[in-house]
Amino acid sequence: QVQLVESGGGLVQPGGSLRLSCAASGSFFTFDYVRWYRQPPGEQRELVAVIYSGGHTNYADSVKGRFTISRDMAKNTAYLQMDRMKPEDTAVYYCNAQIRFQEYWGQGTHVTVSS
């Protein structure tokens, strides 16, 4: 089976940066797609970024220009690079990936942006 393990969350000051990782267990060659979602406290889950099998990416307007989604196929890992972070980015972040026709979710990682 495949498991997605997230890491990289924590506390960061406004204007700072964090990089979230989503590492998949098992042996495979590619993610069919990877999505990053976030759920701010007391709010609904929202889609942040997606990278498709061909490498095309899309971002929520709220993070466009500040966040970058990427993949490292050799490491079976997806990333969300978050720069120039704002307090509004505070949330639990989840990765969601389709691998070999099956969908998987990470356990979530907390991100807090505060001075």
N, C-alpha and C. Protein backbone atom coordinates (compact mmCIF):
# COMPACT_ATOMS: atom_id res chain seq x y z
N GLN A 1 0.82 -1.17 0.00
CA GLN A 1 0.00 0.00 0.00
C GLN A 1 0.87 1.25 0.00
N VAL A 2 0.25 2.36 -0.32
CA VAL A 2 0.91 3.65 -0.35
C VAL A 2 0.46 4.48 0.85
N GLN A 3 1.40 5.14 1.49
CA GLN A 3 1.10 6.11 2.53
C GLN A 3 1.75 7.44 2.17
N LEU A 4 1.06 8.53 2.48
CA LEU A 4 1.60 9.86 2.30
C LEU A 4 1.94 10.42 3.67
N VAL A 5 3.18 10.81 3.85
CA VAL A 5 3.65 11.35 5.12
C VAL A 5 4.07 12.79 4.90
N GLU A 6 3.41 13.70 5.60
CA GLU A 6 3.69 15.11 5.47
C GLU A 6 4.68 15.57 6.55
N SER A 7 5.46 16.56 6.20
CA SER A 7 6.38 17.17 7.15
C SER A 7 6.67 18.60 6.72
N GLY A 8 7.29 19.35 7.62
CA GLY A 8 7.73 20.69 7.29
C GLY A 8 6.90 21.81 7.88
N GLY A 9 5.79 21.48 8.52
CA GLY A 9 4.98 22.52 9.13
C GLY A 9 5.61 23.07 10.39
N GLY A 10 5.03 24.15 10.88
CA GLY A 10 5.53 24.76 12.09
C GLY A 10 5.13 26.20 12.19
N LEU A 11 5.85 26.93 13.03
CA LEU A 11 5.60 28.34 13.27
C LEU A 11 6.58 29.18 12.46
N VAL A 12 6.06 30.17 11.77
CA VAL A 12 6.90 31.06 10.98
C VAL A 12 6.37 32.48 11.12
N GLN A 13 7.27 33.45 11.04
CA GLN A 13 6.86 34.85 11.12
C GLN A 13 6.32 35.34 9.79
N PRO A 14 5.44 36.34 9.83
CA PRO A 14 4.99 36.93 8.56
C PRO A 14 6.18 37.36 7.71
N GLY A 15 6.08 37.06 6.42
CA GLY A 15 7.17 37.33 5.50
C GLY A 15 8.16 36.21 5.38
N GLY A 16 8.07 35.22 6.24
CA GLY A 16 8.99 34.09 6.22
C GLY A 16 8.57 33.02 5.25
N SER A 17 9.30 31.90 5.30
CA SER A 17 9.08 30.80 4.36
C SER A 17 9.05 29.46 5.07
N LEU A 18 8.30 28.54 4.50
CA LEU A 18 8.29 27.15 4.89
C LEU A 18 8.19 26.30 3.64
N ARG A 19 8.73 25.09 3.71
CA ARG A 19 8.54 24.12 2.65
C ARG A 19 7.92 22.86 3.22
N LEU A 20 6.74 22.54 2.74
CA LEU A 20 6.06 21.32 3.14
C LEU A 20 6.44 20.18 2.20
N SER A 21 6.59 18.99 2.76
CA SER A 21 6.90 17.81 1.99
C SER A 21 5.79 16.79 2.13
N CYS A 22 5.58 16.03 1.09
CA CYS A 22 4.60 14.95 1.06
C CYS A 22 5.28 13.75 0.43
N ALA A 23 5.74 12.84 1.26
CA ALA A 23 6.51 11.70 0.80
C ALA A 23 5.64 10.45 0.72
N ALA A 24 5.69 9.78 -0.41
CA ALA A 24 4.91 8.57 -0.63
C ALA A 24 5.77 7.34 -0.45
N SER A 25 5.25 6.38 0.30
CA SER A 25 5.94 5.11 0.47
C SER A 25 5.74 4.23 -0.76
N GLY A 26 6.49 3.14 -0.83
CA GLY A 26 6.37 2.21 -1.93
C GLY A 26 7.20 2.61 -3.13
N SER A 27 7.12 1.80 -4.15
CA SER A 27 7.87 2.02 -5.38
C SER A 27 6.92 2.37 -6.51
N PHE A 28 7.16 3.49 -7.15
CA PHE A 28 6.39 3.91 -8.30
C PHE A 28 7.20 4.97 -9.03
N PHE A 29 6.74 5.33 -10.21
CA PHE A 29 7.51 6.24 -11.05
C PHE A 29 6.99 7.66 -11.06
N THR A 30 5.69 7.84 -10.77
CA THR A 30 5.14 9.18 -10.86
C THR A 30 3.82 9.30 -10.09
N PHE A 31 3.54 10.50 -9.64
CA PHE A 31 2.21 10.85 -9.17
C PHE A 31 1.35 11.16 -10.40
N ASP A 32 0.13 10.67 -10.42
CA ASP A 32 -0.80 11.08 -11.48
C ASP A 32 -1.14 12.56 -11.31
N TYR A 33 -1.40 12.98 -10.09
CA TYR A 33 -1.52 14.38 -9.73
C TYR A 33 -1.28 14.52 -8.24
N VAL A 34 -0.94 15.72 -7.83
CA VAL A 34 -0.80 16.04 -6.42
C VAL A 34 -1.53 17.36 -6.17
N ARG A 35 -2.30 17.39 -5.11
CA ARG A 35 -2.97 18.60 -4.68
C ARG A 35 -2.57 18.92 -3.25
N TRP A 36 -2.49 20.19 -2.95
CA TRP A 36 -2.36 20.67 -1.59
C TRP A 36 -3.62 21.42 -1.21
N TYR A 37 -4.21 21.03 -0.10
CA TYR A 37 -5.36 21.71 0.49
C TYR A 37 -4.94 22.32 1.82
N ARG A 38 -5.74 23.25 2.28
CA ARG A 38 -5.55 23.75 3.64
C ARG A 38 -6.91 24.03 4.27
N GLN A 39 -6.94 23.95 5.59
CA GLN A 39 -8.14 24.22 6.35
C GLN A 39 -7.79 25.18 7.48
N PRO A 40 -8.11 26.46 7.30
CA PRO A 40 -7.88 27.42 8.38
C PRO A 40 -8.78 27.12 9.58
N PRO A 41 -8.40 27.58 10.75
CA PRO A 41 -9.24 27.33 11.93
C PRO A 41 -10.66 27.83 11.74
N GLY A 42 -11.62 26.96 11.98
CA GLY A 42 -13.03 27.32 11.89
C GLY A 42 -13.56 27.51 10.49
N GLU A 43 -12.79 27.15 9.48
CA GLU A 43 -13.21 27.37 8.11
C GLU A 43 -13.22 26.06 7.32
N GLN A 44 -13.75 26.14 6.12
CA GLN A 44 -13.81 24.98 5.23
C GLN A 44 -12.46 24.72 4.59
N ARG A 45 -12.24 23.49 4.21
CA ARG A 45 -11.04 23.12 3.48
C ARG A 45 -11.06 23.78 2.10
N GLU A 46 -9.91 24.26 1.67
CA GLU A 46 -9.80 24.90 0.38
C GLU A 46 -8.61 24.36 -0.40
N LEU A 47 -8.75 24.34 -1.71
CA LEU A 47 -7.66 23.91 -2.57
C LEU A 47 -6.66 25.04 -2.71
N VAL A 48 -5.39 24.71 -2.52
CA VAL A 48 -4.31 25.69 -2.58
C VAL A 48 -3.56 25.61 -3.90
N ALA A 49 -3.18 24.40 -4.28
CA ALA A 49 -2.35 24.21 -5.47
C ALA A 49 -2.50 22.80 -6.00
N VAL A 50 -2.26 22.63 -7.27
CA VAL A 50 -2.29 21.31 -7.89
C VAL A 50 -1.22 21.24 -8.96
N ILE A 51 -0.61 20.08 -9.09
CA ILE A 51 0.30 19.80 -10.19
C ILE A 51 -0.19 18.53 -10.87
N TYR A 52 -0.34 18.60 -12.18
CA TYR A 52 -0.87 17.50 -12.96
C TYR A 52 0.25 16.62 -13.51
N SER A 53 -0.15 15.52 -14.12
CA SER A 53 0.83 14.53 -14.58
C SER A 53 1.81 15.11 -15.59
N GLY A 54 1.35 16.05 -16.41
CA GLY A 54 2.22 16.67 -17.39
C GLY A 54 3.07 17.81 -16.84
N GLY A 55 2.89 18.14 -15.58
CA GLY A 55 3.66 19.20 -14.96
C GLY A 55 2.96 20.54 -14.86
N HIS A 56 1.79 20.66 -15.44
CA HIS A 56 1.03 21.90 -15.36
C HIS A 56 0.57 22.15 -13.93
N THR A 57 0.59 23.40 -13.51
CA THR A 57 0.22 23.76 -12.15
C THR A 57 -0.87 24.82 -12.15
N ASN A 58 -1.64 24.82 -11.07
CA ASN A 58 -2.63 25.86 -10.82
C ASN A 58 -2.60 26.22 -9.34
N TYR A 59 -2.93 27.47 -9.04
CA TYR A 59 -2.89 27.97 -7.68
C TYR A 59 -4.13 28.77 -7.36
N ALA A 60 -4.50 28.73 -6.09
CA ALA A 60 -5.54 29.64 -5.63
C ALA A 60 -5.04 31.07 -5.74
N ASP A 61 -5.95 31.99 -6.02
CA ASP A 61 -5.56 33.39 -6.15
C ASP A 61 -4.86 33.91 -4.90
N SER A 62 -5.26 33.41 -3.75
CA SER A 62 -4.71 33.90 -2.50
C SER A 62 -3.24 33.57 -2.30
N VAL A 63 -2.73 32.58 -3.02
CA VAL A 63 -1.34 32.17 -2.86
C VAL A 63 -0.51 32.34 -4.12
N LYS A 64 -1.14 32.71 -5.20
CA LYS A 64 -0.44 32.83 -6.48
C LYS A 64 0.70 33.84 -6.38
N GLY A 65 1.86 33.43 -6.86
CA GLY A 65 3.03 34.27 -6.78
C GLY A 65 3.84 34.10 -5.52
N ARG A 66 3.28 33.43 -4.52
CA ARG A 66 3.97 33.21 -3.26
C ARG A 66 4.28 31.73 -3.00
N PHE A 67 3.41 30.84 -3.46
CA PHE A 67 3.56 29.40 -3.23
C PHE A 67 3.94 28.71 -4.53
N THR A 68 4.71 27.63 -4.42
CA THR A 68 5.11 26.84 -5.57
C THR A 68 4.97 25.36 -5.26
N ILE A 69 4.23 24.64 -6.09
CA ILE A 69 4.09 23.20 -5.94
C ILE A 69 5.06 22.53 -6.90
N SER A 70 5.67 21.43 -6.46
CA SER A 70 6.63 20.73 -7.29
C SER A 70 6.67 19.25 -6.90
N ARG A 71 7.37 18.47 -7.71
CA ARG A 71 7.54 17.05 -7.47
C ARG A 71 8.99 16.65 -7.69
N ASP A 72 9.45 15.67 -6.92
CA ASP A 72 10.74 15.05 -7.13
C ASP A 72 10.46 13.56 -7.32
N MET A 73 10.43 13.12 -8.56
CA MET A 73 10.05 11.75 -8.86
C MET A 73 11.01 10.74 -8.24
N ALA A 74 12.30 11.05 -8.22
CA ALA A 74 13.28 10.13 -7.68
C ALA A 74 13.08 9.88 -6.19
N LYS A 75 12.52 10.85 -5.49
CA LYS A 75 12.28 10.73 -4.06
C LYS A 75 10.84 10.40 -3.71
N ASN A 76 9.98 10.23 -4.71
CA ASN A 76 8.56 9.99 -4.49
C ASN A 76 7.96 11.03 -3.54
N THR A 77 8.31 12.27 -3.77
CA THR A 77 7.95 13.34 -2.86
C THR A 77 7.43 14.55 -3.61
N ALA A 78 6.38 15.15 -3.08
CA ALA A 78 5.86 16.42 -3.57
C ALA A 78 6.12 17.49 -2.52
N TYR A 79 6.20 18.73 -2.98
CA TYR A 79 6.53 19.84 -2.10
C TYR A 79 5.57 21.00 -2.31
N LEU A 80 5.44 21.79 -1.27
CA LEU A 80 4.79 23.08 -1.38
C LEU A 80 5.72 24.11 -0.74
N GLN A 81 6.36 24.89 -1.58
CA GLN A 81 7.23 25.96 -1.11
C GLN A 81 6.37 27.19 -0.86
N MET A 82 6.42 27.71 0.35
CA MET A 82 5.60 28.84 0.75
C MET A 82 6.51 30.00 1.13
N ASP A 83 6.43 31.06 0.38
CA ASP A 83 7.26 32.25 0.61
C ASP A 83 6.39 33.45 0.91
N ARG A 84 7.00 34.45 1.53
CA ARG A 84 6.29 35.69 1.87
C ARG A 84 4.96 35.39 2.56
N MET A 85 5.05 34.58 3.58
CA MET A 85 3.84 34.07 4.22
C MET A 85 3.12 35.14 5.01
N LYS A 86 1.81 34.96 5.10
CA LYS A 86 0.92 35.90 5.76
C LYS A 86 0.16 35.19 6.88
N PRO A 87 -0.32 35.93 7.87
CA PRO A 87 -1.13 35.29 8.92
C PRO A 87 -2.33 34.52 8.36
N GLU A 88 -2.88 34.96 7.25
CA GLU A 88 -4.01 34.28 6.63
C GLU A 88 -3.64 32.89 6.10
N ASP A 89 -2.36 32.57 6.01
CA ASP A 89 -1.92 31.25 5.59
C ASP A 89 -1.98 30.22 6.71
N THR A 90 -2.27 30.65 7.92
CA THR A 90 -2.37 29.74 9.05
C THR A 90 -3.47 28.71 8.81
N ALA A 91 -3.11 27.43 8.88
CA ALA A 91 -4.06 26.37 8.57
C ALA A 91 -3.40 25.02 8.80
N VAL A 92 -4.21 23.98 8.74
CA VAL A 92 -3.69 22.63 8.60
C VAL A 92 -3.62 22.33 7.11
N TYR A 93 -2.46 21.92 6.65
CA TYR A 93 -2.24 21.65 5.24
C TYR A 93 -2.23 20.15 4.98
N TYR A 94 -2.92 19.76 3.92
CA TYR A 94 -3.04 18.35 3.55
C TYR A 94 -2.59 18.14 2.12
N CYS A 95 -1.81 17.10 1.88
CA CYS A 95 -1.54 16.71 0.51
C CYS A 95 -2.49 15.60 0.11
N ASN A 96 -2.82 15.58 -1.16
CA ASN A 96 -3.76 14.64 -1.74
C ASN A 96 -3.19 14.23 -3.08
N ALA A 97 -3.01 12.94 -3.29
CA ALA A 97 -2.35 12.49 -4.51
C ALA A 97 -3.04 11.27 -5.08
N GLN A 98 -3.06 11.21 -6.39
CA GLN A 98 -3.48 10.00 -7.08
C GLN A 98 -2.23 9.29 -7.59
N ILE A 99 -2.11 8.04 -7.20
CA ILE A 99 -0.97 7.21 -7.55
C ILE A 99 -1.51 5.86 -8.01
N ARG A 100 -1.21 5.51 -9.21
CA ARG A 100 -1.64 4.22 -9.78
C ARG A 100 -3.15 4.02 -9.61
N PHE A 101 -3.90 5.05 -9.97
CA PHE A 101 -5.36 5.03 -10.02
C PHE A 101 -6.02 5.06 -8.65
N GLN A 102 -5.26 5.21 -7.58
CA GLN A 102 -5.80 5.29 -6.23
C GLN A 102 -5.50 6.66 -5.63
N GLU A 103 -6.44 7.17 -4.85
CA GLU A 103 -6.28 8.46 -4.20
C GLU A 103 -5.86 8.28 -2.75
N TYR A 104 -4.91 9.11 -2.31
CA TYR A 104 -4.39 9.04 -0.96
C TYR A 104 -4.34 10.43 -0.35
N TRP A 105 -4.41 10.47 0.97
CA TRP A 105 -4.33 11.72 1.73
C TRP A 105 -3.22 11.65 2.77
N GLY A 106 -2.53 12.75 2.94
CA GLY A 106 -1.59 12.88 4.03
C GLY A 106 -2.30 13.13 5.34
N GLN A 107 -1.55 13.06 6.43
CA GLN A 107 -2.14 13.17 7.75
C GLN A 107 -2.42 14.61 8.16
N GLY A 108 -1.92 15.56 7.43
CA GLY A 108 -2.06 16.96 7.75
C GLY A 108 -0.88 17.47 8.55
N THR A 109 -0.48 18.69 8.29
CA THR A 109 0.59 19.33 9.05
C THR A 109 0.18 20.77 9.36
N HIS A 110 0.44 21.19 10.59
CA HIS A 110 0.00 22.51 11.05
C HIS A 110 1.01 23.57 10.64
N VAL A 111 0.47 24.67 10.14
CA VAL A 111 1.27 25.84 9.79
C VAL A 111 0.67 27.04 10.50
N THR A 112 1.49 27.74 11.26
CA THR A 112 1.06 28.94 11.95
C THR A 112 1.96 30.09 11.56
N VAL A 113 1.36 31.16 11.08
CA VAL A 113 2.10 32.36 10.69
C VAL A 113 1.76 33.45 11.70
N SER A 114 2.72 33.78 12.53
CA SER A 114 2.47 34.74 13.60
C SER A 114 3.79 35.33 14.07
N SER A 115 3.73 36.57 14.50
CA SER A 115 4.89 37.20 15.09
C SER A 115 4.88 37.09 16.61
